[in-house]
Amino acid sequence: MMRSYEAEVGADGKVRLQEPLTLHGRHRAVVIVLESLDSVDTQAQPTDDVRGWRRFVGIMRDTPHFNADPVAIQRAMRDEWD
């Protein structure tokens, strides 16, 4: 089973988990390094992906296919499989 944990990687390369971790035996791990904590901007501008998503949602808002109750639309879509 795969699980995700938040951690910080120091300048010395040591990985420090944000919460305790108990494992039985040896395990493999993948470390993905994200943005630098020293340069994190709390008021960051939205990325192009976010802007694209917002533009798409704005277009979809005006389509006649999504003007009904969202829950009813979801149920109808699920019922198509029956």
PDB file of N, CA and C in Angstrom:
ATOM      1  N   MET A   1       0.847  -1.176   0.000  1.00  0.00           N
ATOM      2  CA  MET A   1       0.000   0.000   0.000  1.00  0.00           C
ATOM      3  C   MET A   1       0.892   1.238   0.000  1.00  0.00           C
ATOM      4  N   MET A   2       0.551   2.200  -0.837  1.00  0.00           N
ATOM      5  CA  MET A   2       1.316   3.441  -0.894  1.00  0.00           C
ATOM      6  C   MET A   2       0.655   4.478   0.001  1.00  0.00           C
ATOM      7  N   ARG A   3       1.486   5.243   0.689  1.00  0.00           N
ATOM      8  CA  ARG A   3       1.005   6.337   1.530  1.00  0.00           C
ATOM      9  C   ARG A   3       1.878   7.550   1.276  1.00  0.00           C
ATOM     10  N   SER A   4       1.318   8.719   1.475  1.00  0.00           N
ATOM     11  CA  SER A   4       2.060   9.964   1.276  1.00  0.00           C
ATOM     12  C   SER A   4       2.296  10.635   2.615  1.00  0.00           C
ATOM     13  N   TYR A   5       3.473  11.213   2.770  1.00  0.00           N
ATOM     14  CA  TYR A   5       3.829  11.938   3.979  1.00  0.00           C
ATOM     15  C   TYR A   5       4.481  13.246   3.585  1.00  0.00           C
ATOM     16  N   GLU A   6       4.207  14.295   4.336  1.00  0.00           N
ATOM     17  CA  GLU A   6       4.849  15.575   4.068  1.00  0.00           C
ATOM     18  C   GLU A   6       6.182  15.609   4.805  1.00  0.00           C
ATOM     19  N   ALA A   7       7.180  16.167   4.148  1.00  0.00           N
ATOM     20  CA  ALA A   7       8.512  16.244   4.735  1.00  0.00           C
ATOM     21  C   ALA A   7       9.215  17.496   4.247  1.00  0.00           C
ATOM     22  N   GLU A   8      10.284  17.842   4.931  1.00  0.00           N
ATOM     23  CA  GLU A   8      11.173  18.915   4.490  1.00  0.00           C
ATOM     24  C   GLU A   8      12.537  18.306   4.236  1.00  0.00           C
ATOM     25  N   VAL A   9      13.186  18.773   3.183  1.00  0.00           N
ATOM     26  CA  VAL A   9      14.539  18.331   2.879  1.00  0.00           C
ATOM     27  C   VAL A   9      15.460  19.495   3.178  1.00  0.00           C
ATOM     28  N   GLY A  10      16.392  19.281   4.090  1.00  0.00           N
ATOM     29  CA  GLY A  10      17.316  20.334   4.473  1.00  0.00           C
ATOM     30  C   GLY A  10      18.406  20.536   3.433  1.00  0.00           C
ATOM     31  N   ALA A  11      19.148  21.625   3.579  1.00  0.00           N
ATOM     32  CA  ALA A  11      20.254  21.916   2.664  1.00  0.00           C
ATOM     33  C   ALA A  11      21.306  20.812   2.714  1.00  0.00           C
ATOM     34  N   ASP A  12      21.339  20.080   3.839  1.00  0.00           N
ATOM     35  CA  ASP A  12      22.285  18.978   3.982  1.00  0.00           C
ATOM     36  C   ASP A  12      21.791  17.696   3.318  1.00  0.00           C
ATOM     37  N   GLY A  13      20.560  17.725   2.759  1.00  0.00           N
ATOM     38  CA  GLY A  13      20.005  16.562   2.082  1.00  0.00           C
ATOM     39  C   GLY A  13      19.225  15.627   2.980  1.00  0.00           C
ATOM     40  N   LYS A  14      19.151  15.933   4.267  1.00  0.00           N
ATOM     41  CA  LYS A  14      18.415  15.068   5.193  1.00  0.00           C
ATOM     42  C   LYS A  14      16.916  15.323   5.068  1.00  0.00           C
ATOM     43  N   VAL A  15      16.152  14.242   5.039  1.00  0.00           N
ATOM     44  CA  VAL A  15      14.697  14.317   4.932  1.00  0.00           C
ATOM     45  C   VAL A  15      14.112  14.258   6.332  1.00  0.00           C
ATOM     46  N   ARG A  16      13.286  15.251   6.664  1.00  0.00           N
ATOM     47  CA  ARG A  16      12.653  15.311   7.984  1.00  0.00           C
ATOM     48  C   ARG A  16      11.143  15.261   7.796  1.00  0.00           C
ATOM     49  N   LEU A  17      10.538  14.154   8.228  1.00  0.00           N
ATOM     50  CA  LEU A  17       9.091  13.995   8.102  1.00  0.00           C
ATOM     51  C   LEU A  17       8.374  14.927   9.061  1.00  0.00           C
ATOM     52  N   GLN A  18       7.184  15.393   8.664  1.00  0.00           N
ATOM     53  CA  GLN A  18       6.399  16.308   9.490  1.00  0.00           C
ATOM     54  C   GLN A  18       5.614  15.574  10.565  1.00  0.00           C
ATOM     55  N   GLU A  19       5.483  14.265  10.449  1.00  0.00           N
ATOM     56  CA  GLU A  19       4.760  13.469  11.435  1.00  0.00           C
ATOM     57  C   GLU A  19       5.518  12.167  11.651  1.00  0.00           C
ATOM     58  N   PRO A  20       5.331  11.529  12.813  1.00  0.00           N
ATOM     59  CA  PRO A  20       6.034  10.270  13.076  1.00  0.00           C
ATOM     60  C   PRO A  20       5.613   9.181  12.087  1.00  0.00           C
ATOM     61  N   LEU A  21       6.525   8.301  11.792  1.00  0.00           N
ATOM     62  CA  LEU A  21       6.271   7.228  10.838  1.00  0.00           C
ATOM     63  C   LEU A  21       6.735   5.917  11.456  1.00  0.00           C
ATOM     64  N   THR A  22       5.841   4.934  11.519  1.00  0.00           N
ATOM     65  CA  THR A  22       6.185   3.621  12.051  1.00  0.00           C
ATOM     66  C   THR A  22       6.037   2.599  10.939  1.00  0.00           C
ATOM     67  N   LEU A  23       7.127   1.941  10.603  1.00  0.00           N
ATOM     68  CA  LEU A  23       7.120   0.914   9.567  1.00  0.00           C
ATOM     69  C   LEU A  23       7.692  -0.370  10.144  1.00  0.00           C
ATOM     70  N   HIS A  24       7.243  -1.482   9.616  1.00  0.00           N
ATOM     71  CA  HIS A  24       7.778  -2.781  10.019  1.00  0.00           C
ATOM     72  C   HIS A  24       8.597  -3.314   8.855  1.00  0.00           C
ATOM     73  N   GLY A  25       9.886  -3.380   9.032  1.00  0.00           N
ATOM     74  CA  GLY A  25      10.751  -3.838   7.961  1.00  0.00           C
ATOM     75  C   GLY A  25      11.201  -2.697   7.065  1.00  0.00           C
ATOM     76  N   ARG A  26      11.920  -3.075   6.011  1.00  0.00           N
ATOM     77  CA  ARG A  26      12.436  -2.085   5.062  1.00  0.00           C
ATOM     78  C   ARG A  26      11.403  -1.803   3.991  1.00  0.00           C
ATOM     79  N   HIS A  27      11.366  -0.562   3.525  1.00  0.00           N
ATOM     80  CA  HIS A  27      10.428  -0.152   2.484  1.00  0.00           C
ATOM     81  C   HIS A  27      11.148   0.726   1.477  1.00  0.00           C
ATOM     82  N   ARG A  28      10.654   0.713   0.255  1.00  0.00           N
ATOM     83  CA  ARG A  28      11.151   1.624  -0.765  1.00  0.00           C
ATOM     84  C   ARG A  28      10.377   2.925  -0.651  1.00  0.00           C
ATOM     85  N   ALA A  29      10.969   4.006  -1.126  1.00  0.00           N
ATOM     86  CA  ALA A  29      10.310   5.314  -1.091  1.00  0.00           C
ATOM     87  C   ALA A  29      10.709   6.113  -2.319  1.00  0.00           C
ATOM     88  N   VAL A  30       9.828   7.010  -2.713  1.00  0.00           N
ATOM     89  CA  VAL A  30      10.102   7.955  -3.791  1.00  0.00           C
ATOM     90  C   VAL A  30      10.027   9.342  -3.176  1.00  0.00           C
ATOM     91  N   VAL A  31      11.023  10.157  -3.418  1.00  0.00           N
ATOM     92  CA  VAL A  31      11.039  11.518  -2.889  1.00  0.00           C
ATOM     93  C   VAL A  31      10.893  12.476  -4.065  1.00  0.00           C
ATOM     94  N   ILE A  32       9.876  13.318  -4.000  1.00  0.00           N
ATOM     95  CA  ILE A  32       9.650  14.334  -5.025  1.00  0.00           C
ATOM     96  C   ILE A  32       9.920  15.682  -4.376  1.00  0.00           C
ATOM     97  N   VAL A  33      10.884  16.408  -4.877  1.00  0.00           N
ATOM     98  CA  VAL A  33      11.250  17.692  -4.292  1.00  0.00           C
ATOM     99  C   VAL A  33      10.387  18.781  -4.923  1.00  0.00           C
ATOM    100  N   LEU A  34       9.670  19.516  -4.077  1.00  0.00           N
ATOM    101  CA  LEU A  34       8.792  20.595  -4.523  1.00  0.00           C
ATOM    102  C   LEU A  34       9.528  21.924  -4.431  1.00  0.00           C
ATOM    103  N   GLU A  35       8.790  23.024  -4.369  1.00  0.00           N
ATOM    104  CA  GLU A  35       9.397  24.352  -4.350  1.00  0.00           C
ATOM    105  C   GLU A  35      10.236  24.554  -3.087  1.00  0.00           C
ATOM    106  N   SER A  36      11.161  25.481  -3.176  1.00  0.00           N
ATOM    107  CA  SER A  36      12.013  25.823  -2.045  1.00  0.00           C
ATOM    108  C   SER A  36      11.182  26.518  -0.974  1.00  0.00           C
ATOM    109  N   LEU A  37      11.360  26.122   0.262  1.00  0.00           N
ATOM    110  CA  LEU A  37      10.634  26.766   1.358  1.00  0.00           C
ATOM    111  C   LEU A  37      11.117  28.194   1.572  1.00  0.00           C
ATOM    112  N   ASP A  38      12.325  28.492   1.131  1.00  0.00           N
ATOM    113  CA  ASP A  38      12.866  29.841   1.293  1.00  0.00           C
ATOM    114  C   ASP A  38      12.237  30.829   0.317  1.00  0.00           C
ATOM    115  N   SER A  39      11.656  30.322  -0.777  1.00  0.00           N
ATOM    116  CA  SER A  39      11.118  31.230  -1.786  1.00  0.00           C
ATOM    117  C   SER A  39       9.609  31.094  -1.957  1.00  0.00           C
ATOM    118  N   VAL A  40       8.934  30.462  -1.005  1.00  0.00           N
ATOM    119  CA  VAL A  40       7.487  30.299  -1.110  1.00  0.00           C
ATOM    120  C   VAL A  40       6.822  31.654  -0.945  1.00  0.00           C
ATOM    121  N   ASP A  41       5.987  32.020  -1.914  1.00  0.00           N
ATOM    122  CA  ASP A  41       5.256  33.284  -1.881  1.00  0.00           C
ATOM    123  C   ASP A  41       3.827  32.991  -1.461  1.00  0.00           C
ATOM    124  N   THR A  42       3.397  33.545  -0.328  1.00  0.00           N
ATOM    125  CA  THR A  42       2.055  33.262   0.174  1.00  0.00           C
ATOM    126  C   THR A  42       0.981  33.868  -0.708  1.00  0.00           C
ATOM    127  N   GLN A  43       1.312  34.870  -1.493  1.00  0.00           N
ATOM    128  CA  GLN A  43       0.352  35.502  -2.395  1.00  0.00           C
ATOM    129  C   GLN A  43       0.682  35.167  -3.848  1.00  0.00           C
ATOM    130  N   ALA A  44       1.068  33.928  -4.095  1.00  0.00           N
ATOM    131  CA  ALA A  44       1.489  33.527  -5.436  1.00  0.00           C
ATOM    132  C   ALA A  44       0.358  33.701  -6.442  1.00  0.00           C
ATOM    133  N   GLN A  45       0.739  34.047  -7.659  1.00  0.00           N
ATOM    134  CA  GLN A  45      -0.227  34.194  -8.740  1.00  0.00           C
ATOM    135  C   GLN A  45      -0.650  32.808  -9.222  1.00  0.00           C
ATOM    136  N   PRO A  46      -1.894  32.659  -9.688  1.00  0.00           N
ATOM    137  CA  PRO A  46      -2.328  31.359 -10.209  1.00  0.00           C
ATOM    138  C   PRO A  46      -1.487  30.948 -11.414  1.00  0.00           C
ATOM    139  N   THR A  47      -1.249  29.666 -11.526  1.00  0.00           N
ATOM    140  CA  THR A  47      -0.484  29.159 -12.660  1.00  0.00           C
ATOM    141  C   THR A  47      -1.357  29.159 -13.905  1.00  0.00           C
ATOM    142  N   ASP A  48      -0.730  28.913 -15.053  1.00  0.00           N
ATOM    143  CA  ASP A  48      -1.479  28.841 -16.304  1.00  0.00           C
ATOM    144  C   ASP A  48      -2.519  27.733 -16.253  1.00  0.00           C
ATOM    145  N   ASP A  49      -2.192  26.617 -15.559  1.00  0.00           N
ATOM    146  CA  ASP A  49      -3.153  25.521 -15.447  1.00  0.00           C
ATOM    147  C   ASP A  49      -4.410  25.972 -14.724  1.00  0.00           C
ATOM    148  N   VAL A  50      -4.231  26.730 -13.635  1.00  0.00           N
ATOM    149  CA  VAL A  50      -5.380  27.208 -12.868  1.00  0.00           C
ATOM    150  C   VAL A  50      -6.188  28.191 -13.700  1.00  0.00           C
ATOM    151  N   ARG A  51      -5.510  29.097 -14.391  1.00  0.00           N
ATOM    152  CA  ARG A  51      -6.219  30.058 -15.238  1.00  0.00           C
ATOM    153  C   ARG A  51      -6.986  29.341 -16.347  1.00  0.00           C
ATOM    154  N   GLY A  52      -6.371  28.333 -16.939  1.00  0.00           N
ATOM    155  CA  GLY A  52      -7.037  27.558 -17.984  1.00  0.00           C
ATOM    156  C   GLY A  52      -8.269  26.849 -17.448  1.00  0.00           C
ATOM    157  N   TRP A  53      -8.151  26.286 -16.247  1.00  0.00           N
ATOM    158  CA  TRP A  53      -9.286  25.606 -15.627  1.00  0.00           C
ATOM    159  C   TRP A  53     -10.410  26.601 -15.353  1.00  0.00           C
ATOM    160  N   ARG A  54     -10.078  27.753 -14.834  1.00  0.00           N
ATOM    161  CA  ARG A  54     -11.104  28.763 -14.555  1.00  0.00           C
ATOM    162  C   ARG A  54     -11.778  29.231 -15.843  1.00  0.00           C
ATOM    163  N   ARG A  55     -11.009  29.380 -16.906  1.00  0.00           N
ATOM    164  CA  ARG A  55     -11.572  29.783 -18.191  1.00  0.00           C
ATOM    165  C   ARG A  55     -12.519  28.692 -18.707  1.00  0.00           C
ATOM    166  N   PHE A  56     -12.110  27.427 -18.582  1.00  0.00           N
ATOM    167  CA  PHE A  56     -12.951  26.304 -19.007  1.00  0.00           C
ATOM    168  C   PHE A  56     -14.254  26.269 -18.215  1.00  0.00           C
ATOM    169  N   VAL A  57     -14.172  26.421 -16.902  1.00  0.00           N
ATOM    170  CA  VAL A  57     -15.371  26.410 -16.064  1.00  0.00           C
ATOM    171  C   VAL A  57     -16.283  27.571 -16.443  1.00  0.00           C
ATOM    172  N   GLY A  58     -15.718  28.724 -16.720  1.00  0.00           N
ATOM    173  CA  GLY A  58     -16.526  29.868 -17.132  1.00  0.00           C
ATOM    174  C   GLY A  58     -17.266  29.604 -18.428  1.00  0.00           C
ATOM    175  N   ILE A  59     -16.614  28.927 -19.367  1.00  0.00           N
ATOM    176  CA  ILE A  59     -17.267  28.577 -20.628  1.00  0.00           C
ATOM    177  C   ILE A  59     -18.369  27.558 -20.380  1.00  0.00           C
ATOM    178  N   MET A  60     -18.082  26.561 -19.555  1.00  0.00           N
ATOM    179  CA  MET A  60     -19.062  25.508 -19.288  1.00  0.00           C
ATOM    180  C   MET A  60     -20.270  26.039 -18.525  1.00  0.00           C
ATOM    181  N   ARG A  61     -20.082  27.091 -17.761  1.00  0.00           N
ATOM    182  CA  ARG A  61     -21.186  27.661 -16.991  1.00  0.00           C
ATOM    183  C   ARG A  61     -22.313  28.116 -17.913  1.00  0.00           C
ATOM    184  N   ASP A  62     -21.976  28.593 -19.098  1.00  0.00           N
ATOM    185  CA  ASP A  62     -22.971  29.133 -20.022  1.00  0.00           C
ATOM    186  C   ASP A  62     -23.552  28.095 -20.983  1.00  0.00           C
ATOM    187  N   THR A  63     -23.092  26.858 -20.914  1.00  0.00           N
ATOM    188  CA  THR A  63     -23.614  25.843 -21.818  1.00  0.00           C
ATOM    189  C   THR A  63     -24.974  25.343 -21.324  1.00  0.00           C
ATOM    190  N   PRO A  64     -25.903  25.036 -22.218  1.00  0.00           N
ATOM    191  CA  PRO A  64     -27.226  24.577 -21.788  1.00  0.00           C
ATOM    192  C   PRO A  64     -27.200  23.198 -21.136  1.00  0.00           C
ATOM    193  N   HIS A  65     -26.108  22.461 -21.293  1.00  0.00           N
ATOM    194  CA  HIS A  65     -26.043  21.108 -20.741  1.00  0.00           C
ATOM    195  C   HIS A  65     -25.840  21.098 -19.227  1.00  0.00           C
ATOM    196  N   PHE A  66     -25.416  22.192 -18.640  1.00  0.00           N
ATOM    197  CA  PHE A  66     -25.112  22.214 -17.214  1.00  0.00           C
ATOM    198  C   PHE A  66     -25.914  23.264 -16.460  1.00  0.00           C
ATOM    199  N   ASN A  67     -27.076  23.621 -16.953  1.00  0.00           N
ATOM    200  CA  ASN A  67     -27.885  24.629 -16.276  1.00  0.00           C
ATOM    201  C   ASN A  67     -28.816  24.043 -15.230  1.00  0.00           C
ATOM    202  N   ALA A  68     -28.921  22.729 -15.146  1.00  0.00           N
ATOM    203  CA  ALA A  68     -29.815  22.086 -14.181  1.00  0.00           C
ATOM    204  C   ALA A  68     -29.091  21.888 -12.850  1.00  0.00           C
ATOM    205  N   ASP A  69     -29.765  21.194 -11.952  1.00  0.00           N
ATOM    206  CA  ASP A  69     -29.202  20.872 -10.643  1.00  0.00           C
ATOM    207  C   ASP A  69     -27.997  19.947 -10.829  1.00  0.00           C
ATOM    208  N   PRO A  70     -26.822  20.286 -10.295  1.00  0.00           N
ATOM    209  CA  PRO A  70     -25.630  19.461 -10.498  1.00  0.00           C
ATOM    210  C   PRO A  70     -25.801  18.028 -10.003  1.00  0.00           C
ATOM    211  N   VAL A  71     -26.497  17.848  -8.886  1.00  0.00           N
ATOM    212  CA  VAL A  71     -26.697  16.495  -8.357  1.00  0.00           C
ATOM    213  C   VAL A  71     -27.578  15.690  -9.311  1.00  0.00           C
ATOM    214  N   ALA A  72     -28.612  16.315  -9.849  1.00  0.00           N
ATOM    215  CA  ALA A  72     -29.488  15.627 -10.800  1.00  0.00           C
ATOM    216  C   ALA A  72     -28.715  15.241 -12.062  1.00  0.00           C
ATOM    217  N   ILE A  73     -27.820  16.119 -12.507  1.00  0.00           N
ATOM    218  CA  ILE A  73     -26.998  15.810 -13.682  1.00  0.00           C
ATOM    219  C   ILE A  73     -26.121  14.600 -13.399  1.00  0.00           C
ATOM    220  N   GLN A  74     -25.488  14.567 -12.222  1.00  0.00           N
ATOM    221  CA  GLN A  74     -24.627  13.441 -11.867  1.00  0.00           C
ATOM    222  C   GLN A  74     -25.416  12.143 -11.806  1.00  0.00           C
ATOM    223  N   ARG A  75     -26.583  12.188 -11.194  1.00  0.00           N
ATOM    224  CA  ARG A  75     -27.415  10.975 -11.101  1.00  0.00           C
ATOM    225  C   ARG A  75     -27.821  10.489 -12.487  1.00  0.00           C
ATOM    226  N   ALA A  76     -28.215  11.410 -13.351  1.00  0.00           N
ATOM    227  CA  ALA A  76     -28.607  11.029 -14.709  1.00  0.00           C
ATOM    228  C   ALA A  76     -27.437  10.402 -15.456  1.00  0.00           C
ATOM    229  N   MET A  77     -26.243  10.949 -15.272  1.00  0.00           N
ATOM    230  CA  MET A  77     -25.065  10.391 -15.931  1.00  0.00           C
ATOM    231  C   MET A  77     -24.766   8.988 -15.413  1.00  0.00           C
ATOM    232  N   ARG A  78     -24.900   8.784 -14.098  1.00  0.00           N
ATOM    233  CA  ARG A  78     -24.671   7.450 -13.531  1.00  0.00           C
ATOM    234  C   ARG A  78     -25.726   6.467 -14.017  1.00  0.00           C
ATOM    235  N   ASP A  79     -26.982   6.911 -14.097  1.00  0.00           N
ATOM    236  CA  ASP A  79     -28.071   6.025 -14.498  1.00  0.00           C
ATOM    237  C   ASP A  79     -27.980   5.615 -15.962  1.00  0.00           C
ATOM    238  N   GLU A  80     -27.225   6.353 -16.773  1.00  0.00           N
ATOM    239  CA  GLU A  80     -27.059   5.978 -18.175  1.00  0.00           C
ATOM    240  C   GLU A  80     -26.412   4.610 -18.313  1.00  0.00           C
ATOM    241  N   TRP A  81     -25.650   4.204 -17.306  1.00  0.00           N
ATOM    242  CA  TRP A  81     -24.944   2.924 -17.366  1.00  0.00           C
ATOM    243  C   TRP A  81     -25.858   1.751 -17.042  1.00  0.00           C
ATOM    244  N   ASP A  82     -27.009   1.997 -16.458  1.00  0.00           N
ATOM    245  CA  ASP A  82     -27.928   0.903 -16.078  1.00  0.00           C
ATOM    246  C   ASP A  82     -28.722   0.405 -17.253  1.00  0.00           C
TER     247      ASP A  82
END
